[in-house]
Amino acid sequence: MSRRDQIRMSPDELAAFLGEQKVINVATIGPNGRPHLAPLWYYPHESGVATWTYGTSQKAKNLERDPRATVLIEDGDSYEKLRGVSLEADVEVITDTAVVTQMGINLMQRYAGAKPGDPVPDELSGFIGKQAPKRIGLIFHPTKIVSWDHTKLGGTY
């Protein structure tokens, strides 16, 4: 078995990794043709991830021109602890305010430690309701997934 095959995450490991991490780095293509990188909070969605952003942001403008992105999620502070996922993705841009509101609630509840389906506090609903009209939702549908988990190598490489 190759080292590459040894470190690849299984579907269950991938789902667990996406569930425990907090930040994605999103690369879109800017108007000058260069990659534009931006960190975002996210939540797992289907086989990919979802988030929201301001509709006037650079990444939003980039995705209007070219709805493709690469997403990096990584963890580890030494080589033998490196774990990560790279998602090449087609990006679905959501502009429906009701859907964007729900996406904002999903996102903020995750970062507040709530579980999906938990009651939404009124103050959170009010905050999200004011933010949602200025924002768009982004759903990253993976077209290619590359993963690595160096902890599977037992400290050798």
N, C-alpha and C. Protein backbone atom coordinates (compact mmCIF):
# COMPACT_ATOMS: atom_id res chain seq x y z
N MET A 1 0.84 -1.18 0.00
CA MET A 1 0.00 0.00 0.00
C MET A 1 0.89 1.25 0.00
N SER A 2 0.54 2.21 -0.83
CA SER A 2 1.33 3.44 -0.90
C SER A 2 1.09 4.30 0.34
N ARG A 3 2.03 5.18 0.62
CA ARG A 3 1.86 6.13 1.73
C ARG A 3 0.62 6.98 1.52
N ARG A 4 0.35 7.35 0.27
CA ARG A 4 -0.83 8.16 -0.05
C ARG A 4 -2.10 7.43 0.35
N ASP A 5 -2.16 6.13 0.00
CA ASP A 5 -3.33 5.34 0.37
C ASP A 5 -3.45 5.19 1.89
N GLN A 6 -2.32 5.13 2.57
CA GLN A 6 -2.33 4.97 4.02
C GLN A 6 -2.90 6.19 4.74
N ILE A 7 -2.66 7.36 4.20
CA ILE A 7 -3.07 8.58 4.92
C ILE A 7 -4.42 9.13 4.48
N ARG A 8 -4.99 8.59 3.43
CA ARG A 8 -6.30 9.05 2.95
C ARG A 8 -7.36 8.78 4.02
N MET A 9 -8.25 9.74 4.25
CA MET A 9 -9.34 9.56 5.21
C MET A 9 -10.47 8.77 4.58
N SER A 10 -11.09 7.92 5.39
CA SER A 10 -12.29 7.21 4.96
C SER A 10 -13.46 8.20 4.95
N PRO A 11 -14.58 7.85 4.33
CA PRO A 11 -15.74 8.76 4.38
C PRO A 11 -16.17 9.12 5.81
N ASP A 12 -16.14 8.16 6.72
CA ASP A 12 -16.51 8.46 8.11
C ASP A 12 -15.49 9.38 8.78
N GLU A 13 -14.21 9.13 8.51
CA GLU A 13 -13.16 10.00 9.07
C GLU A 13 -13.28 11.41 8.50
N LEU A 14 -13.57 11.51 7.21
CA LEU A 14 -13.75 12.82 6.58
C LEU A 14 -14.91 13.57 7.22
N ALA A 15 -16.03 12.90 7.40
CA ALA A 15 -17.20 13.54 8.02
C ALA A 15 -16.88 14.00 9.44
N ALA A 16 -16.18 13.17 10.20
CA ALA A 16 -15.81 13.54 11.57
C ALA A 16 -14.86 14.74 11.56
N PHE A 17 -13.90 14.76 10.66
CA PHE A 17 -12.95 15.86 10.57
C PHE A 17 -13.68 17.17 10.24
N LEU A 18 -14.57 17.13 9.25
CA LEU A 18 -15.33 18.34 8.90
C LEU A 18 -16.18 18.81 10.07
N GLY A 19 -16.68 17.86 10.86
CA GLY A 19 -17.51 18.22 12.00
C GLY A 19 -16.76 18.84 13.16
N GLU A 20 -15.48 18.55 13.28
CA GLU A 20 -14.72 19.06 14.42
C GLU A 20 -13.94 20.34 14.13
N GLN A 21 -13.66 20.61 12.89
CA GLN A 21 -12.90 21.82 12.55
C GLN A 21 -13.81 23.03 12.51
N LYS A 22 -13.24 24.22 12.50
CA LYS A 22 -14.03 25.45 12.59
C LYS A 22 -13.84 26.43 11.44
N VAL A 23 -12.69 26.37 10.76
CA VAL A 23 -12.37 27.41 9.77
C VAL A 23 -11.97 26.76 8.45
N ILE A 24 -12.52 27.30 7.37
CA ILE A 24 -12.08 26.92 6.03
C ILE A 24 -11.32 28.09 5.43
N ASN A 25 -10.39 27.78 4.55
CA ASN A 25 -9.74 28.79 3.72
C ASN A 25 -10.27 28.58 2.32
N VAL A 26 -10.90 29.62 1.78
CA VAL A 26 -11.56 29.54 0.48
C VAL A 26 -10.74 30.31 -0.54
N ALA A 27 -10.38 29.63 -1.63
CA ALA A 27 -9.66 30.26 -2.74
C ALA A 27 -10.61 30.40 -3.92
N THR A 28 -10.80 31.65 -4.35
CA THR A 28 -11.55 31.96 -5.56
C THR A 28 -10.58 32.66 -6.51
N ILE A 29 -11.01 32.91 -7.73
CA ILE A 29 -10.15 33.60 -8.69
C ILE A 29 -10.57 35.07 -8.77
N GLY A 30 -9.63 35.95 -8.45
CA GLY A 30 -9.90 37.38 -8.45
C GLY A 30 -9.95 37.96 -9.86
N PRO A 31 -10.33 39.23 -9.96
CA PRO A 31 -10.47 39.87 -11.27
C PRO A 31 -9.14 39.96 -12.04
N ASN A 32 -8.02 39.87 -11.32
CA ASN A 32 -6.71 39.92 -11.96
C ASN A 32 -6.19 38.53 -12.33
N GLY A 33 -7.02 37.49 -12.11
CA GLY A 33 -6.63 36.13 -12.44
C GLY A 33 -5.84 35.41 -11.36
N ARG A 34 -5.56 36.10 -10.27
CA ARG A 34 -4.81 35.48 -9.18
C ARG A 34 -5.78 34.90 -8.14
N PRO A 35 -5.32 33.88 -7.40
CA PRO A 35 -6.17 33.35 -6.33
C PRO A 35 -6.43 34.41 -5.27
N HIS A 36 -7.63 34.40 -4.76
CA HIS A 36 -8.03 35.26 -3.64
C HIS A 36 -8.39 34.32 -2.50
N LEU A 37 -7.67 34.42 -1.38
CA LEU A 37 -7.89 33.54 -0.23
C LEU A 37 -8.62 34.28 0.88
N ALA A 38 -9.56 33.58 1.50
CA ALA A 38 -10.29 34.16 2.62
C ALA A 38 -10.68 33.07 3.61
N PRO A 39 -10.44 33.29 4.91
CA PRO A 39 -10.88 32.33 5.91
C PRO A 39 -12.35 32.59 6.26
N LEU A 40 -13.10 31.52 6.49
CA LEU A 40 -14.51 31.64 6.84
C LEU A 40 -14.90 30.56 7.85
N TRP A 41 -15.85 30.88 8.72
CA TRP A 41 -16.50 29.85 9.51
C TRP A 41 -17.39 29.07 8.57
N TYR A 42 -17.70 27.84 8.92
CA TYR A 42 -18.52 27.00 8.04
C TYR A 42 -19.28 25.99 8.87
N TYR A 43 -20.16 25.27 8.20
CA TYR A 43 -20.76 24.08 8.77
C TYR A 43 -20.80 22.99 7.71
N PRO A 44 -20.68 21.72 8.13
CA PRO A 44 -20.76 20.63 7.16
C PRO A 44 -22.13 20.63 6.48
N HIS A 45 -22.14 20.36 5.18
CA HIS A 45 -23.39 20.33 4.41
C HIS A 45 -23.27 19.27 3.34
N GLU A 46 -24.15 18.25 3.42
CA GLU A 46 -24.11 17.13 2.49
C GLU A 46 -22.67 16.61 2.43
N SER A 47 -22.07 16.47 1.25
CA SER A 47 -20.70 15.96 1.16
C SER A 47 -19.66 17.09 1.21
N GLY A 48 -20.13 18.32 1.35
CA GLY A 48 -19.22 19.47 1.37
C GLY A 48 -19.44 20.34 2.59
N VAL A 49 -19.36 21.64 2.37
CA VAL A 49 -19.52 22.61 3.45
C VAL A 49 -20.37 23.77 2.95
N ALA A 50 -20.87 24.56 3.91
CA ALA A 50 -21.66 25.75 3.58
C ALA A 50 -21.30 26.87 4.54
N THR A 51 -21.54 28.09 4.08
CA THR A 51 -21.26 29.27 4.89
C THR A 51 -22.05 30.44 4.33
N TRP A 52 -21.81 31.61 4.87
CA TRP A 52 -22.37 32.82 4.29
C TRP A 52 -21.31 33.90 4.28
N THR A 53 -21.54 34.94 3.50
CA THR A 53 -20.61 36.06 3.43
C THR A 53 -21.38 37.29 2.96
N TYR A 54 -20.78 38.44 3.11
CA TYR A 54 -21.42 39.66 2.60
C TYR A 54 -21.50 39.59 1.08
N GLY A 55 -22.62 40.00 0.53
CA GLY A 55 -22.83 39.97 -0.91
C GLY A 55 -21.90 40.89 -1.67
N THR A 56 -21.33 41.87 -1.00
CA THR A 56 -20.42 42.81 -1.66
C THR A 56 -18.94 42.43 -1.47
N SER A 57 -18.68 41.29 -0.83
CA SER A 57 -17.29 40.89 -0.58
C SER A 57 -16.59 40.52 -1.88
N GLN A 58 -15.27 40.53 -1.84
CA GLN A 58 -14.49 40.16 -3.02
C GLN A 58 -14.77 38.72 -3.43
N LYS A 59 -14.86 37.81 -2.44
CA LYS A 59 -15.13 36.41 -2.79
C LYS A 59 -16.48 36.26 -3.46
N ALA A 60 -17.48 37.03 -3.03
CA ALA A 60 -18.81 36.98 -3.65
C ALA A 60 -18.73 37.46 -5.10
N LYS A 61 -18.02 38.54 -5.34
CA LYS A 61 -17.86 39.06 -6.70
C LYS A 61 -17.11 38.05 -7.58
N ASN A 62 -16.07 37.42 -7.00
CA ASN A 62 -15.32 36.42 -7.75
C ASN A 62 -16.22 35.24 -8.14
N LEU A 63 -17.05 34.81 -7.21
CA LEU A 63 -17.92 33.66 -7.48
C LEU A 63 -19.04 33.99 -8.46
N GLU A 64 -19.41 35.25 -8.57
CA GLU A 64 -20.38 35.66 -9.61
C GLU A 64 -19.77 35.43 -10.99
N ARG A 65 -18.48 35.73 -11.12
CA ARG A 65 -17.78 35.56 -12.40
C ARG A 65 -17.47 34.10 -12.69
N ASP A 66 -17.06 33.38 -11.65
CA ASP A 66 -16.60 32.00 -11.81
C ASP A 66 -16.97 31.22 -10.54
N PRO A 67 -18.04 30.43 -10.60
CA PRO A 67 -18.54 29.77 -9.39
C PRO A 67 -17.78 28.50 -9.00
N ARG A 68 -16.46 28.57 -9.08
CA ARG A 68 -15.61 27.47 -8.65
C ARG A 68 -14.67 27.96 -7.56
N ALA A 69 -14.35 27.04 -6.65
CA ALA A 69 -13.45 27.40 -5.56
C ALA A 69 -12.69 26.16 -5.10
N THR A 70 -11.61 26.40 -4.39
CA THR A 70 -10.92 25.35 -3.67
C THR A 70 -10.96 25.72 -2.20
N VAL A 71 -11.29 24.73 -1.38
CA VAL A 71 -11.45 24.93 0.06
C VAL A 71 -10.40 24.07 0.76
N LEU A 72 -9.69 24.66 1.72
CA LEU A 72 -8.71 23.94 2.51
C LEU A 72 -9.14 23.99 3.97
N ILE A 73 -9.12 22.81 4.59
CA ILE A 73 -9.38 22.68 6.02
C ILE A 73 -8.23 21.86 6.56
N GLU A 74 -7.48 22.39 7.53
CA GLU A 74 -6.31 21.66 8.01
C GLU A 74 -6.12 21.80 9.50
N ASP A 75 -5.36 20.85 10.04
CA ASP A 75 -5.10 20.81 11.47
C ASP A 75 -3.74 20.14 11.69
N GLY A 76 -3.09 20.48 12.78
CA GLY A 76 -1.82 19.84 13.14
C GLY A 76 -0.70 20.84 13.24
N ASP A 77 0.15 20.64 14.25
CA ASP A 77 1.25 21.58 14.46
C ASP A 77 2.62 20.95 14.25
N SER A 78 2.65 19.71 13.79
CA SER A 78 3.90 19.06 13.39
C SER A 78 3.57 18.04 12.30
N TYR A 79 4.57 17.63 11.56
CA TYR A 79 4.35 16.79 10.39
C TYR A 79 3.55 15.53 10.71
N GLU A 80 3.91 14.87 11.80
CA GLU A 80 3.24 13.61 12.12
C GLU A 80 1.81 13.80 12.63
N LYS A 81 1.41 15.05 12.84
CA LYS A 81 0.04 15.34 13.29
C LYS A 81 -0.81 16.00 12.21
N LEU A 82 -0.24 16.22 11.03
CA LEU A 82 -0.98 16.93 9.97
C LEU A 82 -2.19 16.13 9.51
N ARG A 83 -3.32 16.82 9.45
CA ARG A 83 -4.56 16.27 8.91
C ARG A 83 -5.20 17.38 8.09
N GLY A 84 -5.85 17.01 7.02
CA GLY A 84 -6.50 18.05 6.24
C GLY A 84 -7.32 17.50 5.10
N VAL A 85 -8.07 18.42 4.51
CA VAL A 85 -8.93 18.12 3.36
C VAL A 85 -8.87 19.30 2.41
N SER A 86 -8.73 18.98 1.13
CA SER A 86 -8.84 19.98 0.08
C SER A 86 -10.04 19.59 -0.78
N LEU A 87 -10.96 20.53 -0.94
CA LEU A 87 -12.16 20.31 -1.74
C LEU A 87 -12.11 21.23 -2.95
N GLU A 88 -12.04 20.66 -4.15
CA GLU A 88 -12.32 21.46 -5.33
C GLU A 88 -13.83 21.42 -5.45
N ALA A 89 -14.46 22.57 -5.64
CA ALA A 89 -15.91 22.60 -5.54
C ALA A 89 -16.55 23.55 -6.53
N ASP A 90 -17.75 23.16 -6.95
CA ASP A 90 -18.65 24.07 -7.63
C ASP A 90 -19.45 24.74 -6.53
N VAL A 91 -19.58 26.07 -6.62
CA VAL A 91 -20.21 26.82 -5.54
C VAL A 91 -21.60 27.27 -5.96
N GLU A 92 -22.56 26.91 -5.14
CA GLU A 92 -23.94 27.36 -5.33
C GLU A 92 -24.11 28.63 -4.50
N VAL A 93 -24.47 29.71 -5.16
CA VAL A 93 -24.67 30.99 -4.48
C VAL A 93 -26.17 31.13 -4.18
N ILE A 94 -26.49 31.34 -2.91
CA ILE A 94 -27.87 31.44 -2.45
C ILE A 94 -28.18 32.90 -2.15
N THR A 95 -29.23 33.42 -2.77
CA THR A 95 -29.62 34.82 -2.54
C THR A 95 -30.98 34.95 -1.85
N ASP A 96 -31.74 33.88 -1.76
CA ASP A 96 -33.05 33.90 -1.11
C ASP A 96 -32.84 34.22 0.38
N THR A 97 -33.40 35.35 0.83
CA THR A 97 -33.15 35.82 2.19
C THR A 97 -33.59 34.82 3.25
N ALA A 98 -34.69 34.13 3.03
CA ALA A 98 -35.15 33.15 4.02
C ALA A 98 -34.15 32.00 4.15
N VAL A 99 -33.61 31.55 3.03
CA VAL A 99 -32.63 30.45 3.06
C VAL A 99 -31.32 30.95 3.67
N VAL A 100 -30.90 32.15 3.29
CA VAL A 100 -29.67 32.72 3.85
C VAL A 100 -29.82 32.90 5.36
N THR A 101 -31.00 33.31 5.81
CA THR A 101 -31.26 33.45 7.25
C THR A 101 -31.06 32.12 7.95
N GLN A 102 -31.61 31.05 7.40
CA GLN A 102 -31.45 29.73 8.01
C GLN A 102 -29.99 29.30 8.01
N MET A 103 -29.27 29.62 6.93
CA MET A 103 -27.85 29.29 6.87
C MET A 103 -27.09 30.04 7.96
N GLY A 104 -27.42 31.30 8.17
CA GLY A 104 -26.79 32.08 9.24
C GLY A 104 -27.08 31.50 10.61
N ILE A 105 -28.32 31.05 10.81
CA ILE A 105 -28.68 30.43 12.08
C ILE A 105 -27.89 29.14 12.27
N ASN A 106 -27.82 28.30 11.23
CA ASN A 106 -27.04 27.06 11.31
C ASN A 106 -25.60 27.35 11.71
N LEU A 107 -25.03 28.35 11.06
CA LEU A 107 -23.64 28.71 11.30
C LEU A 107 -23.42 29.21 12.72
N MET A 108 -24.23 30.17 13.15
CA MET A 108 -24.04 30.76 14.48
C MET A 108 -24.35 29.78 15.60
N GLN A 109 -25.34 28.92 15.40
CA GLN A 109 -25.62 27.92 16.43
C GLN A 109 -24.45 26.95 16.58
N ARG A 110 -23.85 26.58 15.45
CA ARG A 110 -22.69 25.67 15.52
C ARG A 110 -21.57 26.28 16.35
N TYR A 111 -21.31 27.55 16.15
CA TYR A 111 -20.21 28.20 16.85
C TYR A 111 -20.55 28.55 18.29
N ALA A 112 -21.85 28.52 18.60
CA ALA A 112 -22.27 28.74 19.98
C ALA A 112 -22.37 27.41 20.74
N GLY A 113 -22.12 26.29 20.04
CA GLY A 113 -22.16 24.99 20.68
C GLY A 113 -23.53 24.34 20.69
N ALA A 114 -24.50 24.92 19.99
CA ALA A 114 -25.84 24.34 19.94
C ALA A 114 -25.87 23.17 18.96
N LYS A 115 -26.83 22.33 19.12
CA LYS A 115 -27.03 21.19 18.23
C LYS A 115 -28.08 21.57 17.17
N PRO A 116 -27.99 20.96 15.98
CA PRO A 116 -29.03 21.22 14.98
C PRO A 116 -30.41 20.91 15.55
N GLY A 117 -31.33 21.83 15.35
CA GLY A 117 -32.69 21.66 15.87
C GLY A 117 -32.92 22.26 17.24
N ASP A 118 -31.83 22.68 17.94
CA ASP A 118 -32.02 23.35 19.23
C ASP A 118 -32.81 24.64 19.02
N PRO A 119 -33.53 25.07 20.04
CA PRO A 119 -34.26 26.35 19.91
C PRO A 119 -33.29 27.49 19.62
N VAL A 120 -33.77 28.43 18.83
CA VAL A 120 -32.95 29.58 18.46
C VAL A 120 -33.33 30.74 19.38
N PRO A 121 -32.38 31.23 20.17
CA PRO A 121 -32.69 32.37 21.05
C PRO A 121 -33.17 33.58 20.24
N ASP A 122 -34.10 34.34 20.82
CA ASP A 122 -34.66 35.50 20.14
C ASP A 122 -33.58 36.50 19.72
N GLU A 123 -32.58 36.72 20.59
CA GLU A 123 -31.53 37.69 20.25
C GLU A 123 -30.72 37.23 19.04
N LEU A 124 -30.52 35.92 18.92
CA LEU A 124 -29.80 35.39 17.75
C LEU A 124 -30.66 35.55 16.50
N SER A 125 -31.93 35.22 16.59
CA SER A 125 -32.84 35.39 15.45
C SER A 125 -32.86 36.84 14.98
N GLY A 126 -32.91 37.76 15.93
CA GLY A 126 -32.92 39.18 15.58
C GLY A 126 -31.64 39.63 14.89
N PHE A 127 -30.50 39.18 15.42
CA PHE A 127 -29.21 39.53 14.84
C PHE A 127 -29.10 38.97 13.42
N ILE A 128 -29.41 37.67 13.27
CA ILE A 128 -29.31 37.03 11.95
C ILE A 128 -30.28 37.67 10.98
N GLY A 129 -31.48 37.98 11.45
CA GLY A 129 -32.49 38.61 10.59
C GLY A 129 -32.03 39.95 10.03
N LYS A 130 -31.25 40.69 10.80
CA LYS A 130 -30.71 41.98 10.32
C LYS A 130 -29.54 41.78 9.36
N GLN A 131 -28.76 40.73 9.57
CA GLN A 131 -27.58 40.46 8.74
C GLN A 131 -27.93 39.83 7.39
N ALA A 132 -28.93 38.94 7.38
CA ALA A 132 -29.22 38.12 6.20
C ALA A 132 -29.46 38.92 4.91
N PRO A 133 -30.16 40.04 4.94
CA PRO A 133 -30.38 40.76 3.67
C PRO A 133 -29.09 41.28 3.02
N LYS A 134 -28.03 41.42 3.81
CA LYS A 134 -26.74 41.91 3.29
C LYS A 134 -25.85 40.77 2.82
N ARG A 135 -26.28 39.54 3.05
CA ARG A 135 -25.41 38.39 2.85
C ARG A 135 -25.94 37.46 1.77
N ILE A 136 -25.04 36.56 1.35
CA ILE A 136 -25.40 35.46 0.45
C ILE A 136 -24.93 34.17 1.10
N GLY A 137 -25.58 33.09 0.75
CA GLY A 137 -25.14 31.79 1.21
C GLY A 137 -24.23 31.17 0.16
N LEU A 138 -23.30 30.37 0.62
CA LEU A 138 -22.38 29.66 -0.28
C LEU A 138 -22.40 28.18 0.09
N ILE A 139 -22.76 27.35 -0.87
CA ILE A 139 -22.72 25.90 -0.66
C ILE A 139 -21.66 25.34 -1.60
N PHE A 140 -20.68 24.69 -1.02
CA PHE A 140 -19.55 24.14 -1.77
C PHE A 140 -19.83 22.66 -2.06
N HIS A 141 -20.10 22.36 -3.32
CA HIS A 141 -20.37 20.99 -3.76
C HIS A 141 -19.07 20.42 -4.33
N PRO A 142 -18.43 19.49 -3.61
CA PRO A 142 -17.12 18.99 -4.05
C PRO A 142 -17.18 18.26 -5.40
N THR A 143 -16.20 18.57 -6.23
CA THR A 143 -15.99 17.83 -7.48
C THR A 143 -14.75 16.94 -7.34
N LYS A 144 -13.89 17.25 -6.37
CA LYS A 144 -12.71 16.44 -6.07
C LYS A 144 -12.37 16.64 -4.60
N ILE A 145 -12.11 15.55 -3.92
CA ILE A 145 -11.75 15.61 -2.50
C ILE A 145 -10.40 14.91 -2.32
N VAL A 146 -9.47 15.62 -1.69
CA VAL A 146 -8.18 15.04 -1.34
C VAL A 146 -8.04 15.20 0.17
N SER A 147 -7.71 14.11 0.85
CA SER A 147 -7.56 14.17 2.31
C SER A 147 -6.25 13.53 2.74
N TRP A 148 -5.80 13.90 3.92
CA TRP A 148 -4.58 13.32 4.49
C TRP A 148 -4.68 13.33 6.00
N ASP A 149 -4.16 12.28 6.60
CA ASP A 149 -4.11 12.15 8.05
C ASP A 149 -2.80 11.47 8.40
N HIS A 150 -1.79 12.27 8.68
CA HIS A 150 -0.46 11.74 8.95
C HIS A 150 -0.38 11.00 10.28
N THR A 151 -1.39 11.14 11.13
CA THR A 151 -1.36 10.39 12.39
C THR A 151 -1.46 8.89 12.11
N LYS A 152 -1.94 8.51 10.95
CA LYS A 152 -2.04 7.09 10.58
C LYS A 152 -0.68 6.46 10.31
N LEU A 153 0.36 7.27 10.18
CA LEU A 153 1.69 6.74 9.90
C LEU A 153 2.45 6.36 11.16
N GLY A 154 1.87 6.59 12.32
CA GLY A 154 2.51 6.19 13.57
C GLY A 154 3.79 6.93 13.88
N GLY A 155 3.88 8.19 13.46
CA GLY A 155 5.04 9.00 13.77
C GLY A 155 6.21 8.86 12.81
N THR A 156 6.09 8.02 11.79
CA THR A 156 7.16 7.88 10.79
C THR A 156 6.70 8.48 9.47
N TYR A 157 7.67 8.84 8.66
CA TYR A 157 7.34 9.32 7.32
C TYR A 157 8.49 9.12 6.37
